[in-house]
Protein backbone atom coordinates (compact mmCIF):
# COMPACT_ATOMS: atom_id res chain seq x y z
CA MET A 1 85.46 -1.16 -88.79
CA MET A 2 88.63 0.23 -87.20
CA ASN A 3 91.96 -1.48 -87.81
CA GLU A 4 93.25 -3.49 -84.82
CA LEU A 5 96.56 -1.59 -84.75
CA SER A 6 94.71 1.74 -84.70
CA LYS A 7 92.60 0.57 -81.77
CA LYS A 8 95.66 -0.49 -79.81
CA VAL A 9 97.44 2.84 -80.40
CA LEU A 10 94.38 4.76 -79.19
CA GLU A 11 94.45 2.54 -76.09
CA GLY A 12 98.09 3.57 -75.48
CA ASN A 13 99.81 0.44 -76.80
CA VAL A 14 103.45 1.37 -77.50
CA ARG A 15 104.22 -1.87 -79.36
CA ALA A 16 101.41 -1.15 -81.85
CA ALA A 17 102.66 2.43 -82.30
CA SER A 18 106.18 1.19 -83.01
CA HIS A 19 104.78 -1.31 -85.53
CA ILE A 20 102.89 1.42 -87.38
CA ILE A 21 105.90 3.75 -87.50
CA ARG A 22 108.01 0.92 -88.93
CA ASN A 23 105.33 0.33 -91.58
CA LEU A 24 105.36 4.05 -92.41
CA GLU A 25 109.12 4.01 -92.93
CA ASP A 26 108.91 0.90 -95.10
CA GLN A 27 105.86 2.21 -96.99
CA ILE A 28 103.87 -0.95 -96.32
CA PRO A 29 100.57 -1.01 -98.29
CA GLY A 30 97.52 -0.33 -96.15
CA THR A 31 99.30 2.00 -93.72
CA ASP A 32 97.48 5.02 -95.18
CA GLU A 33 94.18 3.55 -93.96
CA ILE A 34 95.56 3.31 -90.42
CA MET A 35 96.81 6.91 -90.56
CA ARG A 36 93.37 8.09 -91.69
CA GLU A 37 91.92 6.54 -88.53
CA LEU A 38 94.60 8.01 -86.26
CA PHE A 39 94.56 11.48 -87.80
CA THR A 40 91.28 12.48 -86.15
CA ALA A 41 92.78 11.66 -82.73
CA SER A 42 95.88 13.78 -83.34
CA GLY A 43 96.51 17.51 -83.09
CA LYS A 44 96.44 17.93 -79.31
CA SER A 45 100.16 17.69 -78.45
CA HIS A 46 102.77 20.41 -78.11
CA ILE A 47 105.50 19.57 -80.63
CA VAL A 48 109.03 20.70 -79.83
CA GLY A 49 111.78 20.47 -82.44
CA PHE A 50 115.48 20.28 -81.58
CA THR A 51 117.98 21.03 -84.31
CA GLY A 52 121.68 21.82 -84.52
CA ALA A 53 124.96 20.45 -85.83
CA PRO A 54 126.09 16.86 -85.15
CA GLY A 55 127.94 16.69 -81.85
CA ALA A 56 126.01 19.58 -80.31
CA GLY A 57 124.71 17.24 -77.59
CA LYS A 58 121.04 17.30 -78.54
CA SER A 59 120.33 13.74 -77.35
CA THR A 60 121.89 14.33 -73.92
CA LEU A 61 119.97 17.58 -73.59
CA ILE A 62 116.68 15.92 -74.54
CA ASP A 63 117.36 13.03 -72.16
CA GLU A 64 117.56 15.47 -69.24
CA LEU A 65 114.57 17.46 -70.54
CA ILE A 66 112.50 14.27 -70.46
CA THR A 67 113.43 13.94 -66.78
CA VAL A 68 112.08 17.44 -66.15
CA TYR A 69 108.84 16.70 -68.00
CA ARG A 70 108.35 13.44 -66.13
CA LYS A 71 108.69 15.30 -62.82
CA LYS A 72 105.79 17.41 -64.07
CA ASN A 73 103.92 14.17 -64.84
CA LYS A 74 103.89 14.80 -68.61
CA SER A 75 103.72 11.91 -71.09
CA ILE A 76 106.52 12.20 -73.67
CA GLY A 77 107.09 10.95 -77.20
CA VAL A 78 110.47 11.39 -78.94
CA LEU A 79 111.18 10.98 -82.65
CA ALA A 80 114.95 10.93 -83.18
CA VAL A 81 115.76 11.41 -86.87
CA ASP A 82 119.02 9.72 -87.88
CA PRO A 83 121.08 9.83 -91.08
CA THR A 84 120.15 7.19 -93.63
CA SER A 85 122.48 4.39 -94.66
CA PRO A 86 123.08 4.66 -98.45
CA PHE A 87 123.09 0.84 -98.60
CA THR A 88 120.18 -0.30 -96.41
CA GLY A 89 118.01 2.84 -96.32
CA GLY A 90 117.78 2.40 -92.55
CA ALA A 91 118.85 4.73 -89.77
CA ILE A 92 122.61 4.43 -89.32
CA LEU A 93 122.37 5.38 -85.65
CA GLY A 94 118.93 3.89 -85.13
CA ASP A 95 120.17 0.91 -83.18
CA ARG A 96 122.16 2.96 -80.69
CA ILE A 97 120.94 3.16 -77.13
CA ARG A 98 119.10 6.45 -76.66
CA MET A 99 117.73 7.99 -73.50
CA MET A 100 118.58 4.99 -71.34
CA ASN A 101 117.38 6.77 -68.21
CA HIS A 102 113.82 6.40 -69.50
CA SER A 103 113.88 3.01 -71.20
CA GLN A 104 111.67 1.44 -68.53
CA ASP A 105 109.25 4.35 -68.27
CA GLU A 106 105.88 3.50 -69.84
CA ASP A 107 105.09 7.21 -70.28
CA VAL A 108 108.16 7.79 -72.47
CA PHE A 109 108.26 6.44 -76.02
CA VAL A 110 111.46 7.01 -78.02
CA ARG A 111 111.67 6.03 -81.68
CA SER A 112 114.46 6.48 -84.25
CA LEU A 113 113.64 7.30 -87.86
CA ALA A 114 115.77 7.32 -91.00
CA THR A 115 115.86 10.51 -93.11
CA ARG A 116 115.49 8.41 -96.28
CA GLY A 117 117.32 11.05 -98.28
CA TYR A 118 114.72 13.78 -97.80
CA MET A 119 115.94 17.37 -97.89
CA GLY A 120 116.12 19.17 -94.56
CA GLY A 121 117.02 16.03 -92.64
CA LEU A 122 113.39 15.03 -92.15
CA SER A 123 111.23 12.47 -93.91
CA LYS A 124 107.51 12.17 -94.62
CA ALA A 125 107.49 9.48 -91.94
CA VAL A 126 108.33 12.16 -89.34
CA GLY A 127 105.07 14.07 -89.81
CA GLU A 128 103.13 10.83 -89.75
CA GLY A 129 105.14 9.59 -86.77
CA ILE A 130 104.12 12.71 -84.87
CA HIS A 131 100.46 11.86 -85.51
CA VAL A 132 101.04 8.36 -84.13
CA MET A 133 102.63 9.85 -80.99
CA GLU A 134 99.68 12.22 -80.59
CA ALA A 135 97.13 9.43 -81.05
CA LEU A 136 99.10 7.47 -78.46
CA GLY A 137 98.27 10.26 -76.01
CA LYS A 138 101.69 11.91 -75.67
CA GLN A 139 101.27 15.44 -74.31
CA LYS A 140 104.71 16.54 -75.51
CA VAL A 141 106.28 15.28 -78.74
CA ILE A 142 109.99 16.05 -79.19
CA VAL A 143 111.53 15.78 -82.66
CA GLU A 144 115.33 15.60 -82.73
CA THR A 145 116.83 16.13 -86.17
CA CYS A 146 120.05 14.47 -87.29
CA GLY A 147 122.00 17.70 -87.70
CA VAL A 148 122.91 17.83 -91.39
CA GLY A 149 123.81 21.52 -91.40
CA GLN A 150 122.08 24.36 -93.19
CA GLN A 151 119.17 22.26 -94.47
CA GLU A 152 117.85 21.72 -90.93
CA VAL A 153 115.24 24.44 -91.40
CA ASP A 154 112.67 21.82 -92.44
CA ILE A 155 111.88 21.26 -88.75
CA ILE A 156 109.77 24.46 -88.85
CA ASN A 157 107.13 22.53 -90.84
CA HIS A 158 106.65 20.02 -88.05
CA ALA A 159 107.22 21.77 -84.70
CA HIS A 160 105.33 24.46 -82.81
CA THR A 161 108.47 25.41 -80.86
CA VAL A 162 111.94 25.16 -82.41
CA VAL A 163 115.04 24.91 -80.21
CA VAL A 164 118.38 25.49 -81.99
CA VAL A 165 121.33 23.97 -80.12
CA LEU A 166 124.81 25.43 -80.64
CA VAL A 167 128.19 24.58 -79.11
CA PRO A 168 131.10 27.01 -78.79
CA GLY A 169 134.27 26.14 -80.64
CA MET A 170 132.68 24.18 -83.50
CA GLY A 171 133.40 26.71 -86.23
CA ASP A 172 131.49 29.76 -87.41
CA GLU A 173 128.18 29.02 -85.68
CA VAL A 174 126.77 32.49 -86.27
CA GLN A 175 127.49 32.23 -90.00
CA ALA A 176 125.44 29.01 -90.04
CA ILE A 177 122.62 30.82 -88.25
CA LYS A 178 122.61 33.56 -90.88
CA ALA A 179 122.07 30.85 -93.50
CA GLY A 180 118.64 29.93 -92.16
CA LEU A 181 118.55 28.79 -88.55
CA MET A 182 118.15 32.35 -87.28
CA GLU A 183 114.80 32.56 -89.05
CA ILE A 184 113.37 29.42 -87.47
CA ALA A 185 114.72 29.55 -83.90
CA ASP A 186 112.28 30.22 -81.07
CA ILE A 187 114.91 29.40 -78.45
CA PHE A 188 118.70 29.22 -78.68
CA VAL A 189 120.60 26.86 -76.41
CA ILE A 190 124.37 27.19 -76.03
CA ASN A 191 125.22 23.67 -74.93
CA LYS A 192 128.52 22.78 -73.20
CA ALA A 193 128.65 26.42 -72.13
CA ASP A 194 131.60 25.76 -69.81
CA ARG A 195 133.81 25.63 -72.93
CA ASP A 196 135.97 28.52 -74.13
CA GLY A 197 134.14 30.84 -76.46
CA ALA A 198 130.71 30.43 -74.86
CA GLY A 199 130.59 34.05 -73.70
CA LYS A 200 131.53 35.36 -77.14
CA LEU A 201 128.91 33.18 -78.86
CA TYR A 202 126.28 34.29 -76.33
CA GLN A 203 126.98 37.97 -76.98
CA GLU A 204 126.93 37.48 -80.77
CA LEU A 205 123.55 35.80 -80.53
CA ILE A 206 122.14 38.51 -78.27
CA ASN A 207 123.32 41.17 -80.74
CA MET A 208 121.80 39.35 -83.72
CA ILE A 209 118.49 38.87 -81.91
CA ALA A 210 118.39 42.55 -80.96
CA MET A 211 118.87 43.56 -84.61
CA SER A 212 116.15 41.23 -85.92
CA SER A 213 113.54 41.55 -83.15
CA LYS A 214 110.25 43.27 -83.88
CA GLU A 215 108.34 45.21 -81.27
CA GLY A 216 105.67 43.11 -79.58
CA SER A 217 106.99 39.83 -81.00
CA TRP A 218 108.50 36.88 -79.12
CA LYS A 219 111.96 37.80 -77.87
CA ILE A 220 114.19 34.81 -78.61
CA PRO A 221 115.91 33.71 -75.38
CA VAL A 222 119.47 32.36 -75.28
CA VAL A 223 119.98 29.71 -72.60
CA LYS A 224 123.46 28.59 -71.58
CA VAL A 225 123.69 24.94 -70.50
CA THR A 226 126.74 23.67 -68.66
CA GLY A 227 128.20 20.32 -69.73
CA PHE A 228 126.62 17.21 -68.19
CA LYS A 229 129.87 16.46 -66.32
CA GLU A 230 128.55 18.93 -63.74
CA PRO A 231 125.24 17.11 -63.11
CA LYS A 232 123.66 19.54 -60.64
CA LYS A 233 124.33 22.66 -62.74
CA PHE A 234 123.41 20.79 -65.92
CA SER A 235 120.01 19.82 -64.44
CA GLN A 236 119.35 23.39 -63.33
CA ASP A 237 120.21 24.75 -66.77
CA VAL A 238 117.97 22.23 -68.55
CA GLU A 239 115.16 23.22 -66.17
CA GLU A 240 115.58 26.74 -67.59
CA VAL A 241 115.32 25.33 -71.13
CA TYR A 242 112.05 23.68 -70.04
CA ASN A 243 110.80 27.02 -68.65
CA LYS A 244 111.52 28.81 -71.93
CA ILE A 245 109.79 26.07 -73.97
CA GLU A 246 106.69 26.38 -71.79
CA GLU A 247 106.81 30.19 -71.96
CA HIS A 248 106.94 30.01 -75.75
CA HIS A 249 103.99 27.63 -75.91
CA LYS A 250 102.01 29.97 -73.65
CA TYR A 251 102.96 32.92 -75.88
CA LEU A 252 101.77 31.06 -79.00
CA VAL A 253 98.42 30.25 -77.38
CA GLU A 254 97.81 33.74 -75.93
CA SER A 255 98.87 35.58 -79.11
CA ASN A 256 96.81 33.20 -81.30
CA LEU A 257 99.96 32.30 -83.25
CA LEU A 258 99.64 28.61 -82.45
CA SER A 259 96.81 28.30 -84.97
CA SER A 260 99.01 29.75 -87.75
CA ARG A 261 101.77 27.24 -86.93
CA ILE A 262 99.26 24.42 -86.96
CA ARG A 263 98.04 25.64 -90.34
CA ARG A 264 101.61 25.77 -91.70
CA LYS A 265 102.19 22.23 -90.46
CA ALA A 266 98.98 21.05 -92.16
CA ALA A 267 99.99 22.70 -95.45
CA ALA A 268 103.40 20.97 -95.33
CA GLU A 269 101.75 17.61 -94.65
CA LEU A 270 99.37 18.10 -97.56
CA ASN A 271 102.34 18.90 -99.80
CA GLU A 272 104.10 15.73 -98.66
CA ALA A 273 100.96 13.65 -99.18
CA LEU A 274 100.53 15.03 -102.71
CA TRP A 275 104.20 14.25 -103.43
CA ALA A 276 103.68 10.68 -102.22
CA LYS A 277 100.48 10.15 -104.19
CA ILE A 278 101.38 11.95 -107.42
CA LEU A 279 105.11 12.37 -107.97
CA GLN A 280 106.50 9.33 -106.16
CA PRO A 281 104.50 6.79 -108.25
CA VAL A 282 105.74 8.52 -111.42
CA LEU A 283 109.35 8.31 -110.23
CA ASP A 284 108.88 4.67 -109.23
CA ASP A 285 107.45 3.82 -112.65
CA LEU A 286 110.25 5.65 -114.48
CA ASN A 287 112.84 3.80 -112.40
CA SER A 288 111.30 0.35 -112.82
CA SER A 289 110.91 0.81 -116.59
CA GLY A 290 114.47 2.04 -116.99
CA GLU A 291 113.23 5.33 -118.46
CA ILE A 292 115.12 7.38 -115.87
CA GLU A 293 118.46 5.91 -117.01
CA LYS A 294 117.62 6.67 -120.64
CA LEU A 295 116.76 10.27 -119.78
CA VAL A 296 119.98 10.62 -117.78
CA ASP A 297 121.96 9.28 -120.75
CA LYS A 298 120.35 11.92 -122.98
CA LEU A 299 121.18 14.65 -120.49
CA VAL A 300 124.80 13.54 -120.24
CA SER A 301 125.17 13.48 -124.04
CA ARG A 302 123.33 16.84 -124.24
CA ASP A 303 120.68 15.35 -126.54
CA THR A 304 118.08 16.98 -124.29
CA ASP A 305 117.87 19.24 -121.23
CA PRO A 306 116.21 18.72 -117.80
CA TYR A 307 113.33 21.06 -118.64
CA THR A 308 112.39 19.35 -121.91
CA ALA A 309 112.72 15.93 -120.26
CA ALA A 310 110.50 16.99 -117.37
CA GLU A 311 107.88 18.41 -119.74
CA LYS A 312 107.86 15.15 -121.69
CA VAL A 313 107.31 13.13 -118.51
CA ALA A 314 104.60 15.53 -117.35
CA ARG A 315 102.71 15.24 -120.63
CA LYS A 316 102.88 11.45 -120.46
CA TYR A 317 101.57 11.08 -116.90
CA MET A 318 99.33 14.13 -116.53
CA LYS A 319 96.96 13.79 -119.43
């Protein structure tokens, strides 16, 4: 018999979806059963990831992009990943007002998530949250990462299309791209392109793309978006971002690359599920028993090393 919350989500109930995502974040027992029921109804949405440094204007950009999608009558889900409070474990920015233009729109569901200390700025709850959005019937699911720098490449494991947002004048942006973002970007957006340095950044990106492009592959576009203080031009530029996102999705489908991205996403989710079922219980047990502190003491005093300690733990739990 299907769980009542699962039923409500499949019927399009946003309150039930929000409840489940909260349970996922808090690791409430029994949530895995709900996710098993929702998983079969997922997998039909186009997932778009937005990443970039803090202050790049990702939220404002996404807010306007939602407006474009709604004009096309698309149902939208947004997962906004925020930094985690070291004290509460919750999303520091989770209570801020996001995407106010769409707060009354029943076809737009925006949810903040905490990173919970996971590398890459994303948590296991993100992948599961995407499945909830898909089961809810959202045609487009947008994942906005919190912008923690060079570790933002983790978005590639969740999104079909990755949009990297840069802003001129925020330091050596191209150097940051060389450290990993260049490899994951499907679309570059130069936001606040009315600022000084936008032309230089644009040309540097074009040159880098030309050097790394392979014949017959997707040519990464660079879209310049004027600051939102010029509303008409800003809207027109975001419409171009929408066009490039749709072009990329079409390219993935026609070149049969979408299936490989779906497979990569599934492999990442399996890895996360194995971590949660195998390694996390071991870590929890070591913490609750105080064994972790004892091992740390031995490492500090050089009575053992991390490799020997790890082998000892492995032998104990993996008989």
